[in-house]
Amino acid sequence: MIRFVITSLALFFAGIFPVLANDFPTEARAEYVFACMATNGENREMLRRCSCSIDRIAEHLTYDEYVEAETVLRMRLMGGGEKATLFKETAWAKQIVDKLKQAQAEAELDCF
């Protein structure tokens, strides 16, 4: 009986924790979908595809990783300077952006 309870709890938490770890706020998902639709077309089909895309990205990155990668990409666009170098040349910045780009590539294959 105890073994059954422990096994059941393990399966329950194994199913929940990945969802909690990668649960993006609704606002972040909506912002992504709006930007995606602005680029690809504002119609029902793009709503479905863009929603699929952010769902796939959320399967590969935690929300914190997503925010870090987006921050690095925005800082890279701001131009030169000593602070911008931190976002262009450091290993951690390259690693997190590469992880986002990989997730985006997989999302594009799955959703578009």
N, C-alpha and C. Protein backbone atom coordinates (compact mmCIF):
# COMPACT_ATOMS: atom_id res chain seq x y z
N MET A 1 0.82 -1.20 0.00
CA MET A 1 0.00 0.00 0.00
C MET A 1 0.86 1.26 0.00
N ILE A 2 1.88 1.27 0.87
CA ILE A 2 2.76 2.45 0.93
C ILE A 2 3.50 2.62 -0.39
N ARG A 3 3.93 1.51 -0.98
CA ARG A 3 4.63 1.58 -2.26
C ARG A 3 3.71 2.20 -3.33
N PHE A 4 2.44 1.82 -3.33
CA PHE A 4 1.47 2.37 -4.27
C PHE A 4 1.32 3.88 -4.09
N VAL A 5 1.21 4.32 -2.85
CA VAL A 5 1.06 5.75 -2.55
C VAL A 5 2.30 6.52 -3.00
N ILE A 6 3.47 6.00 -2.70
CA ILE A 6 4.72 6.68 -3.08
C ILE A 6 4.83 6.75 -4.60
N THR A 7 4.54 5.65 -5.27
CA THR A 7 4.59 5.63 -6.73
C THR A 7 3.58 6.61 -7.32
N SER A 8 2.39 6.63 -6.78
CA SER A 8 1.36 7.55 -7.27
C SER A 8 1.78 9.00 -7.08
N LEU A 9 2.33 9.32 -5.93
CA LEU A 9 2.79 10.69 -5.68
C LEU A 9 3.93 11.06 -6.61
N ALA A 10 4.86 10.14 -6.83
CA ALA A 10 5.98 10.41 -7.73
C ALA A 10 5.48 10.70 -9.14
N LEU A 11 4.55 9.91 -9.62
CA LEU A 11 3.99 10.14 -10.95
C LEU A 11 3.22 11.46 -11.02
N PHE A 12 2.49 11.76 -9.97
CA PHE A 12 1.74 13.01 -9.91
C PHE A 12 2.67 14.21 -10.00
N PHE A 13 3.71 14.23 -9.16
CA PHE A 13 4.62 15.37 -9.15
C PHE A 13 5.49 15.42 -10.40
N ALA A 14 5.83 14.28 -10.96
CA ALA A 14 6.60 14.27 -12.21
C ALA A 14 5.80 14.92 -13.33
N GLY A 15 4.50 14.76 -13.29
CA GLY A 15 3.66 15.38 -14.30
C GLY A 15 3.42 16.86 -14.09
N ILE A 16 3.46 17.32 -12.86
CA ILE A 16 3.15 18.72 -12.55
C ILE A 16 4.38 19.62 -12.61
N PHE A 17 5.49 19.21 -12.06
CA PHE A 17 6.63 20.11 -11.94
C PHE A 17 7.18 20.62 -13.26
N PRO A 18 7.27 19.81 -14.33
CA PRO A 18 7.72 20.40 -15.59
C PRO A 18 6.79 21.51 -16.07
N VAL A 19 5.50 21.35 -15.87
CA VAL A 19 4.55 22.38 -16.27
C VAL A 19 4.78 23.65 -15.47
N LEU A 20 4.94 23.51 -14.16
CA LEU A 20 5.17 24.67 -13.31
C LEU A 20 6.49 25.35 -13.66
N ALA A 21 7.52 24.57 -13.94
CA ALA A 21 8.83 25.13 -14.22
C ALA A 21 8.83 25.95 -15.50
N ASN A 22 8.02 25.56 -16.47
CA ASN A 22 8.03 26.23 -17.77
C ASN A 22 6.76 27.02 -18.04
N ASP A 23 6.02 27.36 -17.01
CA ASP A 23 4.77 28.06 -17.20
C ASP A 23 5.02 29.55 -17.40
N PHE A 24 4.84 29.99 -18.62
CA PHE A 24 4.99 31.41 -18.94
C PHE A 24 3.72 32.13 -18.51
N PRO A 25 3.84 33.36 -18.02
CA PRO A 25 2.64 34.14 -17.71
C PRO A 25 1.81 34.38 -18.97
N THR A 26 0.53 34.47 -18.81
CA THR A 26 -0.37 34.70 -19.95
C THR A 26 0.02 35.97 -20.70
N GLU A 27 0.38 37.00 -19.97
CA GLU A 27 0.77 38.27 -20.61
C GLU A 27 1.97 38.08 -21.53
N ALA A 28 2.96 37.31 -21.09
CA ALA A 28 4.14 37.07 -21.92
C ALA A 28 3.78 36.28 -23.17
N ARG A 29 2.93 35.28 -23.00
CA ARG A 29 2.48 34.50 -24.17
C ARG A 29 1.71 35.40 -25.14
N ALA A 30 0.84 36.25 -24.61
CA ALA A 30 0.05 37.14 -25.47
C ALA A 30 0.95 38.13 -26.21
N GLU A 31 1.94 38.70 -25.53
CA GLU A 31 2.88 39.62 -26.17
C GLU A 31 3.60 38.94 -27.33
N TYR A 32 4.04 37.71 -27.10
CA TYR A 32 4.73 36.96 -28.15
C TYR A 32 3.79 36.75 -29.34
N VAL A 33 2.56 36.33 -29.06
CA VAL A 33 1.60 36.06 -30.13
C VAL A 33 1.28 37.34 -30.91
N PHE A 34 1.09 38.46 -30.22
CA PHE A 34 0.83 39.73 -30.91
C PHE A 34 1.99 40.11 -31.83
N ALA A 35 3.22 39.99 -31.34
CA ALA A 35 4.39 40.32 -32.15
C ALA A 35 4.52 39.37 -33.34
N CYS A 36 4.29 38.11 -33.10
CA CYS A 36 4.35 37.10 -34.16
C CYS A 36 3.30 37.38 -35.24
N MET A 37 2.10 37.71 -34.82
CA MET A 37 1.03 37.99 -35.77
C MET A 37 1.29 39.29 -36.53
N ALA A 38 1.89 40.27 -35.88
CA ALA A 38 2.22 41.52 -36.57
C ALA A 38 3.21 41.26 -37.70
N THR A 39 4.08 40.29 -37.50
CA THR A 39 5.08 39.94 -38.50
C THR A 39 4.52 39.03 -39.58
N ASN A 40 3.69 38.08 -39.20
CA ASN A 40 3.27 37.02 -40.12
C ASN A 40 1.86 37.15 -40.67
N GLY A 41 1.09 38.05 -40.13
CA GLY A 41 -0.29 38.23 -40.60
C GLY A 41 -1.27 38.15 -39.45
N GLU A 42 -2.24 39.02 -39.49
CA GLU A 42 -3.22 39.09 -38.41
C GLU A 42 -4.50 38.39 -38.83
N ASN A 43 -4.44 37.07 -38.75
CA ASN A 43 -5.62 36.27 -39.08
C ASN A 43 -5.67 35.05 -38.15
N ARG A 44 -6.75 34.33 -38.23
CA ARG A 44 -6.98 33.20 -37.32
C ARG A 44 -5.90 32.12 -37.46
N GLU A 45 -5.48 31.87 -38.68
CA GLU A 45 -4.45 30.85 -38.91
C GLU A 45 -3.14 31.24 -38.21
N MET A 46 -2.76 32.50 -38.31
CA MET A 46 -1.53 32.95 -37.64
C MET A 46 -1.69 32.95 -36.13
N LEU A 47 -2.89 33.23 -35.64
CA LEU A 47 -3.14 33.13 -34.20
C LEU A 47 -2.83 31.72 -33.72
N ARG A 48 -3.31 30.73 -34.46
CA ARG A 48 -3.07 29.33 -34.10
C ARG A 48 -1.58 28.99 -34.18
N ARG A 49 -0.93 29.41 -35.27
CA ARG A 49 0.48 29.08 -35.46
C ARG A 49 1.38 29.79 -34.44
N CYS A 50 1.10 31.05 -34.19
CA CYS A 50 1.91 31.81 -33.24
C CYS A 50 1.71 31.31 -31.81
N SER A 51 0.49 30.92 -31.48
CA SER A 51 0.23 30.33 -30.16
C SER A 51 0.97 29.02 -30.01
N CYS A 52 0.96 28.23 -31.04
CA CYS A 52 1.70 26.96 -31.04
C CYS A 52 3.19 27.24 -30.83
N SER A 53 3.70 28.25 -31.50
CA SER A 53 5.12 28.58 -31.42
C SER A 53 5.56 28.91 -30.00
N ILE A 54 4.84 29.76 -29.31
CA ILE A 54 5.24 30.12 -27.94
C ILE A 54 5.05 28.93 -27.00
N ASP A 55 4.07 28.09 -27.28
CA ASP A 55 3.91 26.88 -26.46
C ASP A 55 5.11 25.96 -26.62
N ARG A 56 5.61 25.82 -27.85
CA ARG A 56 6.79 24.98 -28.09
C ARG A 56 8.03 25.59 -27.42
N ILE A 57 8.18 26.89 -27.52
CA ILE A 57 9.32 27.55 -26.88
C ILE A 57 9.28 27.33 -25.38
N ALA A 58 8.10 27.42 -24.80
CA ALA A 58 7.94 27.23 -23.35
C ALA A 58 8.25 25.80 -22.91
N GLU A 59 8.21 24.86 -23.84
CA GLU A 59 8.58 23.49 -23.52
C GLU A 59 10.08 23.32 -23.37
N HIS A 60 10.84 24.24 -23.98
CA HIS A 60 12.30 24.12 -24.00
C HIS A 60 13.02 25.09 -23.06
N LEU A 61 12.39 26.18 -22.71
CA LEU A 61 13.00 27.18 -21.85
C LEU A 61 12.09 27.48 -20.68
N THR A 62 12.69 27.77 -19.55
CA THR A 62 11.90 28.30 -18.45
C THR A 62 11.57 29.75 -18.79
N TYR A 63 10.62 30.31 -18.09
CA TYR A 63 10.28 31.70 -18.34
C TYR A 63 11.48 32.61 -18.04
N ASP A 64 12.21 32.32 -16.98
CA ASP A 64 13.38 33.13 -16.65
C ASP A 64 14.43 33.08 -17.76
N GLU A 65 14.65 31.90 -18.34
CA GLU A 65 15.60 31.79 -19.46
C GLU A 65 15.11 32.59 -20.66
N TYR A 66 13.82 32.54 -20.92
CA TYR A 66 13.24 33.29 -22.03
C TYR A 66 13.46 34.79 -21.83
N VAL A 67 13.21 35.28 -20.63
CA VAL A 67 13.41 36.70 -20.33
C VAL A 67 14.88 37.07 -20.48
N GLU A 68 15.78 36.23 -19.99
CA GLU A 68 17.22 36.50 -20.13
C GLU A 68 17.60 36.60 -21.61
N ALA A 69 17.15 35.64 -22.41
CA ALA A 69 17.50 35.64 -23.83
C ALA A 69 16.94 36.87 -24.54
N GLU A 70 15.69 37.21 -24.26
CA GLU A 70 15.09 38.40 -24.87
C GLU A 70 15.83 39.67 -24.45
N THR A 71 16.26 39.72 -23.20
CA THR A 71 17.02 40.88 -22.71
C THR A 71 18.35 40.99 -23.44
N VAL A 72 19.05 39.88 -23.59
CA VAL A 72 20.32 39.88 -24.31
C VAL A 72 20.11 40.36 -25.73
N LEU A 73 19.10 39.85 -26.40
CA LEU A 73 18.84 40.26 -27.79
C LEU A 73 18.51 41.74 -27.89
N ARG A 74 17.74 42.27 -26.95
CA ARG A 74 17.42 43.70 -26.97
C ARG A 74 18.66 44.55 -26.70
N MET A 75 19.49 44.11 -25.78
CA MET A 75 20.71 44.86 -25.46
C MET A 75 21.68 44.85 -26.64
N ARG A 76 21.71 43.78 -27.38
CA ARG A 76 22.58 43.71 -28.56
C ARG A 76 22.15 44.72 -29.62
N LEU A 77 20.86 45.01 -29.69
CA LEU A 77 20.35 45.96 -30.67
C LEU A 77 20.66 47.41 -30.30
N MET A 78 20.99 47.65 -29.04
CA MET A 78 21.18 49.03 -28.57
C MET A 78 22.49 49.64 -29.04
N GLY A 79 23.34 48.87 -29.65
CA GLY A 79 24.56 49.44 -30.19
C GLY A 79 25.79 49.10 -29.38
N GLY A 80 26.81 49.91 -29.57
CA GLY A 80 28.12 49.65 -28.97
C GLY A 80 28.22 50.08 -27.53
N GLY A 81 29.44 50.19 -27.11
CA GLY A 81 29.69 50.59 -25.74
C GLY A 81 30.17 49.43 -24.91
N GLU A 82 30.73 49.78 -23.78
CA GLU A 82 31.31 48.77 -22.90
C GLU A 82 30.26 47.80 -22.36
N LYS A 83 29.10 48.32 -21.99
CA LYS A 83 28.05 47.46 -21.44
C LYS A 83 27.48 46.52 -22.50
N ALA A 84 27.38 46.99 -23.73
CA ALA A 84 26.84 46.16 -24.80
C ALA A 84 27.75 44.97 -25.09
N THR A 85 29.04 45.13 -24.87
CA THR A 85 30.00 44.04 -25.08
C THR A 85 29.67 42.85 -24.21
N LEU A 86 29.20 43.11 -23.01
CA LEU A 86 28.82 42.04 -22.09
C LEU A 86 27.76 41.13 -22.72
N PHE A 87 26.86 41.72 -23.49
CA PHE A 87 25.77 40.96 -24.09
C PHE A 87 26.14 40.36 -25.45
N LYS A 88 27.24 40.81 -26.02
CA LYS A 88 27.64 40.32 -27.34
C LYS A 88 28.73 39.25 -27.27
N GLU A 89 29.61 39.33 -26.30
CA GLU A 89 30.80 38.50 -26.34
C GLU A 89 30.93 37.48 -25.22
N THR A 90 30.06 37.50 -24.25
CA THR A 90 30.21 36.56 -23.14
C THR A 90 29.56 35.21 -23.47
N ALA A 91 30.13 34.16 -22.89
CA ALA A 91 29.66 32.80 -23.16
C ALA A 91 28.22 32.59 -22.68
N TRP A 92 27.90 33.13 -21.50
CA TRP A 92 26.54 32.91 -20.97
C TRP A 92 25.49 33.54 -21.87
N ALA A 93 25.80 34.73 -22.43
CA ALA A 93 24.84 35.40 -23.31
C ALA A 93 24.65 34.60 -24.59
N LYS A 94 25.76 34.13 -25.16
CA LYS A 94 25.67 33.33 -26.38
C LYS A 94 24.90 32.04 -26.12
N GLN A 95 25.14 31.41 -24.99
CA GLN A 95 24.49 30.15 -24.66
C GLN A 95 22.97 30.30 -24.53
N ILE A 96 22.53 31.33 -23.83
CA ILE A 96 21.09 31.48 -23.62
C ILE A 96 20.38 31.89 -24.91
N VAL A 97 21.03 32.72 -25.73
CA VAL A 97 20.45 33.10 -27.02
C VAL A 97 20.40 31.90 -27.96
N ASP A 98 21.46 31.09 -27.95
CA ASP A 98 21.46 29.88 -28.78
C ASP A 98 20.33 28.93 -28.37
N LYS A 99 20.10 28.83 -27.07
CA LYS A 99 19.01 27.97 -26.59
C LYS A 99 17.66 28.48 -27.08
N LEU A 100 17.46 29.79 -27.03
CA LEU A 100 16.21 30.38 -27.52
C LEU A 100 16.07 30.16 -29.03
N LYS A 101 17.15 30.39 -29.77
CA LYS A 101 17.09 30.23 -31.23
C LYS A 101 16.80 28.78 -31.62
N GLN A 102 17.37 27.84 -30.87
CA GLN A 102 17.10 26.43 -31.13
C GLN A 102 15.62 26.12 -30.88
N ALA A 103 15.09 26.64 -29.78
CA ALA A 103 13.68 26.43 -29.46
C ALA A 103 12.79 27.07 -30.53
N GLN A 104 13.17 28.26 -31.00
CA GLN A 104 12.39 28.93 -32.04
C GLN A 104 12.42 28.15 -33.35
N ALA A 105 13.58 27.58 -33.67
CA ALA A 105 13.70 26.79 -34.90
C ALA A 105 12.81 25.55 -34.83
N GLU A 106 12.82 24.89 -33.70
CA GLU A 106 11.96 23.71 -33.53
C GLU A 106 10.48 24.11 -33.56
N ALA A 107 10.16 25.25 -32.96
CA ALA A 107 8.78 25.73 -32.98
C ALA A 107 8.34 26.05 -34.40
N GLU A 108 9.23 26.62 -35.18
CA GLU A 108 8.88 26.94 -36.56
C GLU A 108 8.60 25.67 -37.36
N LEU A 109 9.42 24.65 -37.16
CA LEU A 109 9.19 23.38 -37.85
C LEU A 109 7.86 22.75 -37.45
N ASP A 110 7.54 22.81 -36.17
CA ASP A 110 6.31 22.19 -35.67
C ASP A 110 5.05 22.99 -36.01
N CYS A 111 5.17 24.30 -36.03
CA CYS A 111 3.97 25.15 -36.08
C CYS A 111 3.74 25.87 -37.41
N PHE A 112 4.78 26.04 -38.18
CA PHE A 112 4.63 26.78 -39.43
C PHE A 112 4.95 25.88 -40.59
